[in-house]
Amino acid sequence: MSELPSREWRFYINDMILFAQKALRYSINLDQEAFIASEMNYDATLRNLELIGEAATHIPDEIRATYPDIPWRQIIATRNRLIHGYLGIDNDTVWSILQNDLPALLPHLEAIQKAHSQ
């Protein structure tokens, strides 16, 4: 299997923004019960939360240290829990991420994107 070419870290920030926006879109106009009942929305959201965490693993430590307001370790840990603990996903936690964490995270990511755009 060939190795993928390396990407600049700022492209992973762009990915994180895109994945967060998609996850938020999938829950628009739904309450928690309807969101959980909507299998496609639920599954797509989980996938995008996983991808946010995966992208975060590609942000260099020195960049993470520059932006301590972002809970990098928690984002990555969430990705790991979603991928490896698929039978133990807590729906209240997922809903809280959608309602609280992602809306709070997006402005921070967008500020990084703006500060490092070329």
C-alpha atoms as a PDB file:
ATOM      1  CA  MET A   1       0.000   0.000   0.000  1.00  0.00           C
ATOM      2  CA  SER A   2       1.478   3.335  -1.008  1.00  0.00           C
ATOM      3  CA  GLU A   3       1.761   6.236   1.382  1.00  0.00           C
ATOM      4  CA  LEU A   4      -0.396   9.277   0.793  1.00  0.00           C
ATOM      5  CA  PRO A   5       1.426  12.513   0.022  1.00  0.00           C
ATOM      6  CA  SER A   6       1.648  14.802   3.003  1.00  0.00           C
ATOM      7  CA  ARG A   7      -0.705  17.774   3.216  1.00  0.00           C
ATOM      8  CA  GLU A   8      -0.209  21.094   4.861  1.00  0.00           C
ATOM      9  CA  TRP A   9      -1.784  21.160   8.313  1.00  0.00           C
ATOM     10  CA  ARG A  10      -4.017  24.103   7.419  1.00  0.00           C
ATOM     11  CA  PHE A  11      -5.911  21.907   4.958  1.00  0.00           C
ATOM     12  CA  TYR A  12      -6.909  19.713   7.890  1.00  0.00           C
ATOM     13  CA  ILE A  13      -8.346  22.793   9.596  1.00  0.00           C
ATOM     14  CA  ASN A  14     -10.419  23.385   6.450  1.00  0.00           C
ATOM     15  CA  ASP A  15     -11.557  19.754   6.604  1.00  0.00           C
ATOM     16  CA  MET A  16     -12.535  20.093  10.258  1.00  0.00           C
ATOM     17  CA  ILE A  17     -14.670  23.131   9.411  1.00  0.00           C
ATOM     18  CA  LEU A  18     -16.367  21.315   6.534  1.00  0.00           C
ATOM     19  CA  PHE A  19     -17.063  18.204   8.613  1.00  0.00           C
ATOM     20  CA  ALA A  20     -18.433  20.286  11.517  1.00  0.00           C
ATOM     21  CA  GLN A  21     -20.720  22.223   9.188  1.00  0.00           C
ATOM     22  CA  LYS A  22     -22.010  18.994   7.678  1.00  0.00           C
ATOM     23  CA  ALA A  23     -22.657  17.425  11.085  1.00  0.00           C
ATOM     24  CA  LEU A  24     -24.586  20.510  12.173  1.00  0.00           C
ATOM     25  CA  ARG A  25     -26.610  20.522   8.960  1.00  0.00           C
ATOM     26  CA  TYR A  26     -27.678  16.931   9.548  1.00  0.00           C
ATOM     27  CA  SER A  27     -29.408  17.892  12.792  1.00  0.00           C
ATOM     28  CA  ILE A  28     -31.124  21.102  11.684  1.00  0.00           C
ATOM     29  CA  ASN A  29     -34.812  21.199  12.600  1.00  0.00           C
ATOM     30  CA  LEU A  30     -34.561  17.942  14.545  1.00  0.00           C
ATOM     31  CA  ASP A  31     -34.907  17.404  18.246  1.00  0.00           C
ATOM     32  CA  GLN A  32     -32.763  14.757  19.898  1.00  0.00           C
ATOM     33  CA  GLU A  33     -35.365  12.014  19.553  1.00  0.00           C
ATOM     34  CA  ALA A  34     -35.946  12.666  15.838  1.00  0.00           C
ATOM     35  CA  PHE A  35     -32.209  12.926  15.224  1.00  0.00           C
ATOM     36  CA  ILE A  36     -31.535   9.547  16.829  1.00  0.00           C
ATOM     37  CA  ALA A  37     -34.466   7.987  14.952  1.00  0.00           C
ATOM     38  CA  SER A  38     -33.144   9.278  11.631  1.00  0.00           C
ATOM     39  CA  GLU A  39     -30.593   6.588  10.875  1.00  0.00           C
ATOM     40  CA  MET A  40     -28.983   8.326   7.914  1.00  0.00           C
ATOM     41  CA  ASN A  41     -28.600  11.641   9.718  1.00  0.00           C
ATOM     42  CA  TYR A  42     -27.318   9.920  12.831  1.00  0.00           C
ATOM     43  CA  ASP A  43     -24.821   7.728  10.981  1.00  0.00           C
ATOM     44  CA  ALA A  44     -23.625  10.592   8.763  1.00  0.00           C
ATOM     45  CA  THR A  45     -23.146  12.791  11.811  1.00  0.00           C
ATOM     46  CA  LEU A  46     -21.113  10.156  13.625  1.00  0.00           C
ATOM     47  CA  ARG A  47     -18.941   9.729  10.556  1.00  0.00           C
ATOM     48  CA  ASN A  48     -18.275  13.461  10.359  1.00  0.00           C
ATOM     49  CA  LEU A  49     -17.444  13.599  14.076  1.00  0.00           C
ATOM     50  CA  GLU A  50     -14.951  10.788  13.476  1.00  0.00           C
ATOM     51  CA  LEU A  51     -13.458  12.721  10.561  1.00  0.00           C
ATOM     52  CA  ILE A  52     -13.108  15.887  12.649  1.00  0.00           C
ATOM     53  CA  GLY A  53     -11.068  13.895  15.154  1.00  0.00           C
ATOM     54  CA  GLU A  54      -9.013  12.234  12.445  1.00  0.00           C
ATOM     55  CA  ALA A  55      -8.192  15.606  10.878  1.00  0.00           C
ATOM     56  CA  ALA A  56      -7.211  16.925  14.323  1.00  0.00           C
ATOM     57  CA  THR A  57      -4.576  14.180  14.617  1.00  0.00           C
ATOM     58  CA  HIS A  58      -2.791  15.776  11.663  1.00  0.00           C
ATOM     59  CA  ILE A  59      -2.437  19.192  13.281  1.00  0.00           C
ATOM     60  CA  PRO A  60       1.170  19.555  14.509  1.00  0.00           C
ATOM     61  CA  ASP A  61       1.735  19.857  18.248  1.00  0.00           C
ATOM     62  CA  GLU A  62       3.211  23.344  17.897  1.00  0.00           C
ATOM     63  CA  ILE A  63       0.035  24.551  16.160  1.00  0.00           C
ATOM     64  CA  ARG A  64      -2.145  22.900  18.790  1.00  0.00           C
ATOM     65  CA  ALA A  65      -0.108  24.643  21.495  1.00  0.00           C
ATOM     66  CA  THR A  66      -0.674  27.973  19.727  1.00  0.00           C
ATOM     67  CA  TYR A  67      -4.442  27.460  19.977  1.00  0.00           C
ATOM     68  CA  PRO A  68      -5.068  26.089  23.484  1.00  0.00           C
ATOM     69  CA  ASP A  69      -8.732  27.199  23.404  1.00  0.00           C
ATOM     70  CA  ILE A  70      -9.438  24.237  21.145  1.00  0.00           C
ATOM     71  CA  PRO A  71      -9.792  20.957  23.065  1.00  0.00           C
ATOM     72  CA  TRP A  72      -7.571  19.009  20.662  1.00  0.00           C
ATOM     73  CA  ARG A  73      -7.135  15.975  22.907  1.00  0.00           C
ATOM     74  CA  GLN A  74     -10.863  15.768  23.607  1.00  0.00           C
ATOM     75  CA  ILE A  75     -11.669  15.985  19.879  1.00  0.00           C
ATOM     76  CA  ILE A  76      -9.254  13.156  19.125  1.00  0.00           C
ATOM     77  CA  ALA A  77     -10.487  11.107  22.097  1.00  0.00           C
ATOM     78  CA  THR A  78     -14.065  11.506  20.869  1.00  0.00           C
ATOM     79  CA  ARG A  79     -13.029  10.173  17.484  1.00  0.00           C
ATOM     80  CA  ASN A  80     -11.406   7.171  19.143  1.00  0.00           C
ATOM     81  CA  ARG A  81     -14.462   6.469  21.293  1.00  0.00           C
ATOM     82  CA  LEU A  82     -16.778   6.673  18.284  1.00  0.00           C
ATOM     83  CA  ILE A  83     -14.669   4.363  16.166  1.00  0.00           C
ATOM     84  CA  HIS A  84     -13.690   1.816  18.803  1.00  0.00           C
ATOM     85  CA  GLY A  85     -16.693   1.925  21.092  1.00  0.00           C
ATOM     86  CA  TYR A  86     -19.446   1.774  18.534  1.00  0.00           C
ATOM     87  CA  LEU A  87     -21.683  -0.331  20.765  1.00  0.00           C
ATOM     88  CA  GLY A  88     -21.337   2.098  23.645  1.00  0.00           C
ATOM     89  CA  ILE A  89     -22.053   5.446  22.011  1.00  0.00           C
ATOM     90  CA  ASP A  90     -23.980   7.695  24.360  1.00  0.00           C
ATOM     91  CA  ASN A  91     -26.695   9.524  22.429  1.00  0.00           C
ATOM     92  CA  ASP A  92     -26.868  12.314  25.006  1.00  0.00           C
ATOM     93  CA  THR A  93     -23.157  12.977  24.489  1.00  0.00           C
ATOM     94  CA  VAL A  94     -23.534  13.044  20.699  1.00  0.00           C
ATOM     95  CA  TRP A  95     -26.453  15.444  21.012  1.00  0.00           C
ATOM     96  CA  SER A  96     -24.475  17.670  23.394  1.00  0.00           C
ATOM     97  CA  ILE A  97     -21.591  17.771  20.920  1.00  0.00           C
ATOM     98  CA  LEU A  98     -24.010  18.904  18.200  1.00  0.00           C
ATOM     99  CA  GLN A  99     -25.806  21.452  20.328  1.00  0.00           C
ATOM    100  CA  ASN A 100     -22.872  22.885  22.278  1.00  0.00           C
ATOM    101  CA  ASP A 101     -19.400  21.786  21.265  1.00  0.00           C
ATOM    102  CA  LEU A 102     -19.484  22.107  17.478  1.00  0.00           C
ATOM    103  CA  PRO A 103     -21.120  25.558  17.446  1.00  0.00           C
ATOM    104  CA  ALA A 104     -18.460  26.717  19.937  1.00  0.00           C
ATOM    105  CA  LEU A 105     -15.614  25.068  17.993  1.00  0.00           C
ATOM    106  CA  LEU A 106     -16.421  26.474  14.556  1.00  0.00           C
ATOM    107  CA  PRO A 107     -15.499  30.131  15.245  1.00  0.00           C
ATOM    108  CA  HIS A 108     -12.121  29.028  16.641  1.00  0.00           C
ATOM    109  CA  LEU A 109     -11.388  26.907  13.580  1.00  0.00           C
ATOM    110  CA  GLU A 110     -12.523  29.687  11.251  1.00  0.00           C
ATOM    111  CA  ALA A 111     -10.204  32.133  13.045  1.00  0.00           C
ATOM    112  CA  ILE A 112      -7.275  29.745  12.506  1.00  0.00           C
ATOM    113  CA  GLN A 113      -8.284  29.344   8.870  1.00  0.00           C
ATOM    114  CA  LYS A 114      -8.395  33.112   8.410  1.00  0.00           C
ATOM    115  CA  ALA A 115      -5.065  33.660  10.193  1.00  0.00           C
ATOM    116  CA  HIS A 116      -3.293  31.081   8.020  1.00  0.00           C
ATOM    117  CA  SER A 117      -4.964  31.487   4.639  1.00  0.00           C
ATOM    118  CA  GLN A 118      -2.765  32.335   1.724  1.00  0.00           C
END
